[in-house]
Amino acid sequence: MTTPRADQSGVIRSDVTLAALVDAGAALLGIPLAAAHRGEVVVALAMIMAQADLILDFPLPDVAEAAPRFRP
């Protein structure tokens, strides 16, 4: 699974905290989560967070501007 590491806020992420996040999110949203699928959801969340880290860790210069709005 994942190796514990600090995220942007300094919070350590680990399999235990990701599993707790999955459980809390499912309960909050009222989504029934079968025990057989829980591990797969935790792994998917870890992969999504690792992908997000690639974007969030990329430094942008202070002068970077948002792209203009796309209008088809």
C-alpha atoms as a PDB file:
ATOM      1  CA  MET A   1       0.000   0.000   0.000  1.00  0.00           C
ATOM      2  CA  THR A   2       1.309   3.475   0.817  1.00  0.00           C
ATOM      3  CA  THR A   3       4.327   4.635   2.729  1.00  0.00           C
ATOM      4  CA  PRO A   4       3.500   7.150   5.461  1.00  0.00           C
ATOM      5  CA  ARG A   5       4.412  10.678   4.406  1.00  0.00           C
ATOM      6  CA  ALA A   6       3.435  14.183   5.342  1.00  0.00           C
ATOM      7  CA  ASP A   7       0.946  15.934   3.084  1.00  0.00           C
ATOM      8  CA  GLN A   8       0.777  19.673   2.364  1.00  0.00           C
ATOM      9  CA  SER A   9      -0.623  20.397   5.834  1.00  0.00           C
ATOM     10  CA  GLY A  10       2.044  18.303   7.586  1.00  0.00           C
ATOM     11  CA  VAL A  11      -0.403  15.500   8.425  1.00  0.00           C
ATOM     12  CA  ILE A  12       1.107  12.026   8.169  1.00  0.00           C
ATOM     13  CA  ARG A  13      -0.809   9.796   5.783  1.00  0.00           C
ATOM     14  CA  SER A  14      -0.690   6.063   6.236  1.00  0.00           C
ATOM     15  CA  ASP A  15      -2.847   3.069   5.430  1.00  0.00           C
ATOM     16  CA  VAL A  16      -4.529   3.482   8.802  1.00  0.00           C
ATOM     17  CA  THR A  17      -5.452   7.128   8.257  1.00  0.00           C
ATOM     18  CA  LEU A  18      -6.548   6.468   4.659  1.00  0.00           C
ATOM     19  CA  ALA A  19      -8.760   3.606   5.815  1.00  0.00           C
ATOM     20  CA  ALA A  20     -10.258   5.864   8.482  1.00  0.00           C
ATOM     21  CA  LEU A  21     -10.877   8.537   5.837  1.00  0.00           C
ATOM     22  CA  VAL A  22     -12.631   5.994   3.594  1.00  0.00           C
ATOM     23  CA  ASP A  23     -14.786   4.787   6.491  1.00  0.00           C
ATOM     24  CA  ALA A  24     -15.696   8.326   7.562  1.00  0.00           C
ATOM     25  CA  GLY A  25     -16.449   9.434   4.002  1.00  0.00           C
ATOM     26  CA  ALA A  26     -18.678   6.441   3.315  1.00  0.00           C
ATOM     27  CA  ALA A  27     -20.546   6.986   6.577  1.00  0.00           C
ATOM     28  CA  LEU A  28     -20.939  10.727   5.958  1.00  0.00           C
ATOM     29  CA  LEU A  29     -22.269  10.171   2.443  1.00  0.00           C
ATOM     30  CA  GLY A  30     -24.421   7.229   3.489  1.00  0.00           C
ATOM     31  CA  ILE A  31     -22.691   4.892   1.044  1.00  0.00           C
ATOM     32  CA  PRO A  32     -22.748   1.249   2.074  1.00  0.00           C
ATOM     33  CA  LEU A  33     -19.204  -0.101   1.740  1.00  0.00           C
ATOM     34  CA  ALA A  34     -18.856  -3.865   1.762  1.00  0.00           C
ATOM     35  CA  ALA A  35     -15.907  -5.168   3.764  1.00  0.00           C
ATOM     36  CA  ALA A  36     -14.755  -7.083   0.688  1.00  0.00           C
ATOM     37  CA  HIS A  37     -14.390  -3.811  -1.256  1.00  0.00           C
ATOM     38  CA  ARG A  38     -12.976  -1.593   1.506  1.00  0.00           C
ATOM     39  CA  GLY A  39      -9.330  -2.491   0.850  1.00  0.00           C
ATOM     40  CA  GLU A  40      -9.678  -1.771  -2.857  1.00  0.00           C
ATOM     41  CA  VAL A  41     -11.205   1.627  -2.113  1.00  0.00           C
ATOM     42  CA  VAL A  42      -8.321   2.453   0.248  1.00  0.00           C
ATOM     43  CA  VAL A  43      -5.791   1.475  -2.450  1.00  0.00           C
ATOM     44  CA  ALA A  44      -7.645   3.587  -5.037  1.00  0.00           C
ATOM     45  CA  LEU A  45      -7.659   6.579  -2.676  1.00  0.00           C
ATOM     46  CA  ALA A  46      -3.919   6.162  -2.071  1.00  0.00           C
ATOM     47  CA  MET A  47      -3.303   6.121  -5.842  1.00  0.00           C
ATOM     48  CA  ILE A  48      -5.469   9.216  -6.376  1.00  0.00           C
ATOM     49  CA  MET A  49      -3.653  11.069  -3.602  1.00  0.00           C
ATOM     50  CA  ALA A  50      -0.254  10.071  -5.049  1.00  0.00           C
ATOM     51  CA  GLN A  51      -1.336  11.431  -8.433  1.00  0.00           C
ATOM     52  CA  ALA A  52      -2.557  14.647  -6.826  1.00  0.00           C
ATOM     53  CA  ASP A  53       0.811  14.998  -5.073  1.00  0.00           C
ATOM     54  CA  LEU A  54       2.505  15.132  -8.482  1.00  0.00           C
ATOM     55  CA  ILE A  55       0.420  18.166  -9.392  1.00  0.00           C
ATOM     56  CA  LEU A  56       0.533  19.854  -5.995  1.00  0.00           C
ATOM     57  CA  ASP A  57       4.307  19.417  -5.647  1.00  0.00           C
ATOM     58  CA  PHE A  58       5.006  21.146  -8.976  1.00  0.00           C
ATOM     59  CA  PRO A  59       6.271  24.638  -8.215  1.00  0.00           C
ATOM     60  CA  LEU A  60       4.651  27.491 -10.104  1.00  0.00           C
ATOM     61  CA  PRO A  61       6.276  30.890 -10.359  1.00  0.00           C
ATOM     62  CA  ASP A  62       4.470  33.767  -8.666  1.00  0.00           C
ATOM     63  CA  VAL A  63       3.866  35.391 -12.053  1.00  0.00           C
ATOM     64  CA  ALA A  64       1.976  32.375 -13.439  1.00  0.00           C
ATOM     65  CA  GLU A  65      -1.510  33.262 -14.636  1.00  0.00           C
ATOM     66  CA  ALA A  66      -4.541  31.107 -15.241  1.00  0.00           C
ATOM     67  CA  ALA A  67      -5.303  30.203 -18.835  1.00  0.00           C
ATOM     68  CA  PRO A  68      -8.019  32.244 -20.509  1.00  0.00           C
ATOM     69  CA  ARG A  69     -11.531  30.856 -20.309  1.00  0.00           C
ATOM     70  CA  PHE A  70     -12.380  28.370 -23.054  1.00  0.00           C
ATOM     71  CA  ARG A  71     -15.557  29.193 -24.917  1.00  0.00           C
ATOM     72  CA  PRO A  72     -16.568  26.762 -27.688  1.00  0.00           C
END
